[in-house]
Amino acid sequence: MIQDEFRGARLRVYGTNREAPEDGRVFIWTKTGWFERLEGSAGNVAFTPIAESEDELKDLIAVEDPEFDFIELGGEFKRMVSEEFSEDSSLLEDSTAELTEEPIDEDDDQLYHQHDL
C-alpha cells in the first residue's frame, strides 16, 4: 500500500492539464510547502521545492501562463506521483541522515582552512 502522506499530512497532487496530466506541470502539496514534479528526458523523476503557499505557487505559474487551469488530480496518476514523491523523499532523508552521522575529522578541517590563507 502506498504511503499517501508526508510528515503526517495527506499529499495533494495538482496539475495544469486535466486531460493529460503528464503533459502539464504537476505539483505536490505537503505541510512543508509545494514541490514541482520534474521529469528528465530519460524518464527519471525528481521533486523540487517551489513555493510555500498556494497563492505564491499560483503567482509563479501565472507568470508563464496567465490563463492556466490549476486542478486537483486523482486516480491512478495521483497514486503514481505520490509513490514517486515518497520514494524521492525517503532517498533525500536517507542521504541527509548519512551526512549528519559522519563525524568531522579535525585534521581534514584544518587542511581545508589552510587553503584560505
N, C-alpha and C. Protein backbone atom coordinates (compact mmCIF):
# COMPACT_ATOMS: atom_id res chain seq x y z
N MET A 1 0.84 -1.19 0.00
CA MET A 1 0.00 0.00 0.00
C MET A 1 0.87 1.24 0.00
N ILE A 2 0.51 2.22 -0.76
CA ILE A 2 1.29 3.44 -0.89
C ILE A 2 1.06 4.34 0.31
N GLN A 3 2.14 4.88 0.83
CA GLN A 3 2.05 5.85 1.90
C GLN A 3 1.70 7.19 1.26
N ASP A 4 0.44 7.59 1.37
CA ASP A 4 -0.03 8.82 0.73
C ASP A 4 0.08 10.00 1.69
N GLU A 5 1.15 9.98 2.49
CA GLU A 5 1.36 11.04 3.46
C GLU A 5 2.82 11.44 3.45
N PHE A 6 3.10 12.64 3.89
CA PHE A 6 4.46 13.13 4.02
C PHE A 6 4.52 13.94 5.30
N ARG A 7 5.30 13.43 6.27
CA ARG A 7 5.42 14.09 7.57
C ARG A 7 4.06 14.37 8.20
N GLY A 8 3.17 13.38 8.15
CA GLY A 8 1.90 13.46 8.85
C GLY A 8 0.77 14.15 8.11
N ALA A 9 0.97 14.61 6.90
CA ALA A 9 -0.10 15.28 6.15
C ALA A 9 -0.40 14.50 4.88
N ARG A 10 -1.65 14.50 4.48
CA ARG A 10 -2.03 13.86 3.22
C ARG A 10 -1.47 14.67 2.07
N LEU A 11 -0.93 13.96 1.09
CA LEU A 11 -0.42 14.63 -0.10
C LEU A 11 -1.58 15.05 -0.99
N ARG A 12 -1.46 16.19 -1.57
CA ARG A 12 -2.42 16.64 -2.57
C ARG A 12 -1.64 16.86 -3.85
N VAL A 13 -2.17 16.34 -4.95
CA VAL A 13 -1.49 16.43 -6.25
C VAL A 13 -2.32 17.31 -7.16
N TYR A 14 -1.68 18.32 -7.73
CA TYR A 14 -2.34 19.27 -8.63
C TYR A 14 -1.59 19.31 -9.95
N GLY A 15 -2.28 19.73 -10.98
CA GLY A 15 -1.66 19.86 -12.28
C GLY A 15 -2.27 21.00 -13.08
N THR A 16 -1.71 21.22 -14.24
CA THR A 16 -2.19 22.29 -15.11
C THR A 16 -2.84 21.75 -16.38
N ASN A 17 -2.97 20.41 -16.50
CA ASN A 17 -3.58 19.83 -17.69
C ASN A 17 -4.50 18.68 -17.26
N ARG A 18 -5.78 18.95 -17.23
CA ARG A 18 -6.76 17.96 -16.77
C ARG A 18 -6.82 16.74 -17.70
N GLU A 19 -6.78 16.97 -19.01
CA GLU A 19 -6.93 15.90 -19.99
C GLU A 19 -5.72 14.97 -20.05
N ALA A 20 -4.53 15.54 -19.93
CA ALA A 20 -3.29 14.74 -19.99
C ALA A 20 -2.32 15.29 -18.95
N PRO A 21 -2.51 14.90 -17.67
CA PRO A 21 -1.69 15.46 -16.59
C PRO A 21 -0.19 15.35 -16.82
N GLU A 22 0.23 14.27 -17.46
CA GLU A 22 1.66 14.08 -17.69
C GLU A 22 2.24 15.11 -18.66
N ASP A 23 1.38 15.78 -19.44
CA ASP A 23 1.84 16.81 -20.38
C ASP A 23 1.89 18.20 -19.75
N GLY A 24 1.25 18.38 -18.61
CA GLY A 24 1.26 19.67 -17.93
C GLY A 24 2.26 19.68 -16.79
N ARG A 25 2.24 20.75 -16.04
CA ARG A 25 3.07 20.82 -14.84
C ARG A 25 2.33 20.13 -13.70
N VAL A 26 3.09 19.46 -12.82
CA VAL A 26 2.50 18.71 -11.72
C VAL A 26 3.13 19.18 -10.42
N PHE A 27 2.27 19.38 -9.40
CA PHE A 27 2.71 19.91 -8.12
C PHE A 27 2.18 19.04 -6.99
N ILE A 28 2.95 18.95 -5.92
CA ILE A 28 2.57 18.20 -4.72
C ILE A 28 2.50 19.20 -3.57
N TRP A 29 1.43 19.11 -2.78
CA TRP A 29 1.33 19.93 -1.58
C TRP A 29 1.59 19.05 -0.37
N THR A 30 2.44 19.53 0.54
CA THR A 30 2.69 18.89 1.82
C THR A 30 2.65 19.96 2.90
N LYS A 31 2.73 19.55 4.15
CA LYS A 31 2.76 20.52 5.24
C LYS A 31 3.98 21.43 5.16
N THR A 32 5.02 20.98 4.47
CA THR A 32 6.25 21.78 4.36
C THR A 32 6.24 22.71 3.15
N GLY A 33 5.23 22.64 2.31
CA GLY A 33 5.14 23.52 1.15
C GLY A 33 4.84 22.78 -0.13
N TRP A 34 5.03 23.47 -1.24
CA TRP A 34 4.74 22.95 -2.57
C TRP A 34 6.01 22.49 -3.26
N PHE A 35 5.91 21.35 -3.95
CA PHE A 35 7.00 20.80 -4.73
C PHE A 35 6.53 20.62 -6.16
N GLU A 36 7.44 20.81 -7.11
CA GLU A 36 7.11 20.55 -8.52
C GLU A 36 7.76 19.25 -8.95
N ARG A 37 7.00 18.44 -9.68
CA ARG A 37 7.50 17.19 -10.25
C ARG A 37 8.20 17.51 -11.56
N LEU A 38 9.45 17.13 -11.65
CA LEU A 38 10.23 17.35 -12.87
C LEU A 38 10.64 16.00 -13.44
N GLU A 39 10.38 15.81 -14.73
CA GLU A 39 10.73 14.56 -15.39
C GLU A 39 11.82 14.82 -16.41
N GLY A 40 12.91 14.05 -16.28
CA GLY A 40 14.03 14.20 -17.20
C GLY A 40 13.78 13.49 -18.52
N SER A 41 14.65 13.72 -19.48
CA SER A 41 14.48 13.14 -20.81
C SER A 41 14.58 11.61 -20.79
N ALA A 42 15.26 11.05 -19.78
CA ALA A 42 15.38 9.60 -19.67
C ALA A 42 14.25 9.00 -18.84
N GLY A 43 13.29 9.83 -18.42
CA GLY A 43 12.17 9.34 -17.64
C GLY A 43 12.38 9.39 -16.14
N ASN A 44 13.56 9.86 -15.72
CA ASN A 44 13.80 9.97 -14.28
C ASN A 44 12.98 11.13 -13.71
N VAL A 45 12.55 10.99 -12.47
CA VAL A 45 11.66 11.97 -11.84
C VAL A 45 12.31 12.51 -10.58
N ALA A 46 12.16 13.82 -10.37
CA ALA A 46 12.64 14.47 -9.15
C ALA A 46 11.62 15.51 -8.73
N PHE A 47 11.68 15.88 -7.48
CA PHE A 47 10.78 16.90 -6.94
C PHE A 47 11.61 18.02 -6.35
N THR A 48 11.22 19.23 -6.66
CA THR A 48 11.95 20.39 -6.16
C THR A 48 11.00 21.34 -5.44
N PRO A 49 11.42 21.88 -4.31
CA PRO A 49 10.56 22.87 -3.63
C PRO A 49 10.34 24.07 -4.54
N ILE A 50 9.11 24.57 -4.58
CA ILE A 50 8.82 25.68 -5.49
C ILE A 50 8.12 26.84 -4.81
N ALA A 51 7.31 26.58 -3.78
CA ALA A 51 6.57 27.66 -3.12
C ALA A 51 6.16 27.22 -1.72
N GLU A 52 5.89 28.21 -0.87
CA GLU A 52 5.46 27.91 0.48
C GLU A 52 3.94 27.99 0.65
N SER A 53 3.27 28.69 -0.26
CA SER A 53 1.82 28.82 -0.16
C SER A 53 1.19 28.61 -1.53
N GLU A 54 -0.12 28.35 -1.53
CA GLU A 54 -0.84 28.17 -2.79
C GLU A 54 -0.86 29.46 -3.60
N ASP A 55 -1.04 30.59 -2.93
CA ASP A 55 -1.04 31.88 -3.64
C ASP A 55 0.30 32.14 -4.31
N GLU A 56 1.40 31.85 -3.60
CA GLU A 56 2.73 32.03 -4.18
C GLU A 56 2.91 31.13 -5.40
N LEU A 57 2.46 29.88 -5.30
CA LEU A 57 2.56 28.94 -6.41
C LEU A 57 1.77 29.43 -7.62
N LYS A 58 0.54 29.85 -7.39
CA LYS A 58 -0.29 30.33 -8.50
C LYS A 58 0.31 31.57 -9.16
N ASP A 59 0.92 32.45 -8.36
CA ASP A 59 1.58 33.62 -8.93
C ASP A 59 2.75 33.20 -9.83
N LEU A 60 3.52 32.21 -9.40
CA LEU A 60 4.66 31.72 -10.20
C LEU A 60 4.19 31.11 -11.52
N ILE A 61 3.12 30.32 -11.46
CA ILE A 61 2.60 29.68 -12.67
C ILE A 61 2.03 30.73 -13.62
N ALA A 62 1.36 31.73 -13.07
CA ALA A 62 0.71 32.76 -13.90
C ALA A 62 1.72 33.57 -14.70
N VAL A 63 2.95 33.65 -14.25
CA VAL A 63 3.99 34.38 -15.00
C VAL A 63 4.18 33.74 -16.37
N GLU A 64 4.19 32.41 -16.41
CA GLU A 64 4.39 31.69 -17.68
C GLU A 64 3.09 31.52 -18.47
N ASP A 65 1.98 31.36 -17.75
CA ASP A 65 0.70 31.10 -18.40
C ASP A 65 -0.43 31.74 -17.60
N PRO A 66 -0.78 32.99 -17.92
CA PRO A 66 -1.80 33.71 -17.15
C PRO A 66 -3.17 33.04 -17.14
N GLU A 67 -3.46 32.16 -18.09
CA GLU A 67 -4.78 31.53 -18.16
C GLU A 67 -4.71 30.04 -17.83
N PHE A 68 -3.81 29.65 -16.92
CA PHE A 68 -3.64 28.25 -16.58
C PHE A 68 -4.83 27.73 -15.78
N ASP A 69 -5.04 26.42 -15.87
CA ASP A 69 -6.00 25.72 -15.02
C ASP A 69 -5.21 25.05 -13.91
N PHE A 70 -5.63 25.23 -12.67
CA PHE A 70 -4.97 24.62 -11.52
C PHE A 70 -5.96 23.65 -10.92
N ILE A 71 -5.77 22.37 -11.18
CA ILE A 71 -6.77 21.38 -10.81
C ILE A 71 -6.17 20.28 -9.93
N GLU A 72 -6.98 19.79 -9.01
CA GLU A 72 -6.54 18.68 -8.19
C GLU A 72 -6.66 17.40 -9.01
N LEU A 73 -5.61 16.61 -8.99
CA LEU A 73 -5.57 15.37 -9.76
C LEU A 73 -5.84 14.19 -8.83
N GLY A 74 -6.40 13.15 -9.38
CA GLY A 74 -6.72 11.97 -8.58
C GLY A 74 -6.43 10.71 -9.35
N GLY A 75 -7.00 9.62 -8.87
CA GLY A 75 -6.91 8.34 -9.55
C GLY A 75 -5.51 7.78 -9.63
N GLU A 76 -5.28 7.04 -10.69
CA GLU A 76 -4.01 6.35 -10.90
C GLU A 76 -2.84 7.32 -11.01
N PHE A 77 -3.06 8.48 -11.66
CA PHE A 77 -1.97 9.43 -11.81
C PHE A 77 -1.54 9.96 -10.44
N LYS A 78 -2.50 10.30 -9.59
CA LYS A 78 -2.17 10.77 -8.24
C LYS A 78 -1.41 9.70 -7.47
N ARG A 79 -1.86 8.47 -7.57
CA ARG A 79 -1.20 7.37 -6.87
C ARG A 79 0.25 7.22 -7.33
N MET A 80 0.47 7.29 -8.65
CA MET A 80 1.82 7.16 -9.20
C MET A 80 2.71 8.30 -8.71
N VAL A 81 2.21 9.54 -8.77
CA VAL A 81 3.00 10.70 -8.36
C VAL A 81 3.29 10.65 -6.85
N SER A 82 2.30 10.24 -6.07
CA SER A 82 2.50 10.12 -4.63
C SER A 82 3.58 9.09 -4.31
N GLU A 83 3.58 7.99 -5.03
CA GLU A 83 4.60 6.96 -4.83
C GLU A 83 5.98 7.49 -5.22
N GLU A 84 6.07 8.18 -6.34
CA GLU A 84 7.35 8.77 -6.76
C GLU A 84 7.86 9.76 -5.71
N PHE A 85 6.95 10.58 -5.20
CA PHE A 85 7.33 11.58 -4.20
C PHE A 85 7.82 10.90 -2.92
N SER A 86 7.13 9.86 -2.49
CA SER A 86 7.54 9.14 -1.28
C SER A 86 8.92 8.53 -1.46
N GLU A 87 9.18 7.94 -2.62
CA GLU A 87 10.49 7.36 -2.90
C GLU A 87 11.56 8.43 -2.93
N ASP A 88 11.30 9.54 -3.59
CA ASP A 88 12.26 10.64 -3.70
C ASP A 88 12.52 11.23 -2.32
N SER A 89 11.48 11.40 -1.51
CA SER A 89 11.63 11.98 -0.18
C SER A 89 12.42 11.07 0.73
N SER A 90 12.22 9.75 0.64
CA SER A 90 12.96 8.84 1.50
C SER A 90 14.43 8.82 1.11
N LEU A 91 14.73 8.92 -0.17
CA LEU A 91 16.12 8.99 -0.59
C LEU A 91 16.79 10.26 -0.06
N LEU A 92 16.08 11.37 -0.11
CA LEU A 92 16.59 12.63 0.39
C LEU A 92 16.85 12.54 1.89
N GLU A 93 15.89 11.98 2.64
CA GLU A 93 16.05 11.84 4.09
C GLU A 93 17.20 10.91 4.43
N ASP A 94 17.36 9.80 3.66
CA ASP A 94 18.47 8.88 3.91
C ASP A 94 19.82 9.55 3.68
N SER A 95 19.95 10.33 2.61
CA SER A 95 21.23 10.98 2.32
C SER A 95 21.52 12.06 3.34
N THR A 96 20.50 12.76 3.83
CA THR A 96 20.69 13.78 4.87
C THR A 96 21.14 13.12 6.16
N ALA A 97 20.56 11.99 6.51
CA ALA A 97 20.94 11.28 7.73
C ALA A 97 22.39 10.83 7.65
N GLU A 98 22.82 10.34 6.49
CA GLU A 98 24.20 9.90 6.33
C GLU A 98 25.16 11.07 6.51
N LEU A 99 24.82 12.23 5.98
CA LEU A 99 25.69 13.38 6.11
C LEU A 99 25.81 13.84 7.56
N THR A 100 24.73 13.81 8.30
CA THR A 100 24.76 14.28 9.68
C THR A 100 25.40 13.27 10.62
N GLU A 101 25.45 12.00 10.25
CA GLU A 101 26.04 10.98 11.10
C GLU A 101 27.56 10.93 10.98
N GLU A 102 28.12 11.43 9.90
CA GLU A 102 29.55 11.34 9.68
C GLU A 102 30.29 12.35 10.54
N PRO A 103 31.21 11.88 11.42
CA PRO A 103 31.94 12.83 12.27
C PRO A 103 32.93 13.65 11.44
N ILE A 104 33.20 14.83 11.89
CA ILE A 104 34.15 15.71 11.21
C ILE A 104 35.55 15.37 11.70
N ASP A 105 36.44 15.13 10.78
CA ASP A 105 37.84 14.88 11.10
C ASP A 105 38.53 16.22 11.24
N GLU A 106 39.07 16.51 12.44
CA GLU A 106 39.68 17.82 12.69
C GLU A 106 40.87 18.08 11.78
N ASP A 107 41.67 17.03 11.44
CA ASP A 107 42.81 17.21 10.55
C ASP A 107 42.35 17.67 9.17
N ASP A 108 41.29 17.06 8.65
CA ASP A 108 40.74 17.46 7.36
C ASP A 108 40.23 18.89 7.42
N ASP A 109 39.59 19.25 8.51
CA ASP A 109 39.05 20.60 8.68
C ASP A 109 40.17 21.62 8.68
N GLN A 110 41.30 21.31 9.35
CA GLN A 110 42.43 22.24 9.38
C GLN A 110 43.05 22.37 8.00
N LEU A 111 43.18 21.25 7.27
CA LEU A 111 43.73 21.31 5.91
C LEU A 111 42.86 22.16 5.01
N TYR A 112 41.55 22.04 5.15
CA TYR A 112 40.63 22.84 4.35
C TYR A 112 40.85 24.32 4.60
N HIS A 113 41.00 24.71 5.84
CA HIS A 113 41.14 26.14 6.17
C HIS A 113 42.52 26.67 5.81
N GLN A 114 43.52 25.80 5.68
CA GLN A 114 44.84 26.26 5.25
C GLN A 114 44.81 26.82 3.85
N HIS A 115 43.90 26.34 3.02
CA HIS A 115 43.80 26.83 1.64
C HIS A 115 43.24 28.25 1.59
N ASP A 116 42.63 28.69 2.68
CA ASP A 116 42.08 30.03 2.72
C ASP A 116 43.14 31.10 2.90
N LEU A 117 44.37 30.70 3.29
CA LEU A 117 45.43 31.66 3.57
C LEU A 117 45.99 32.30 2.35
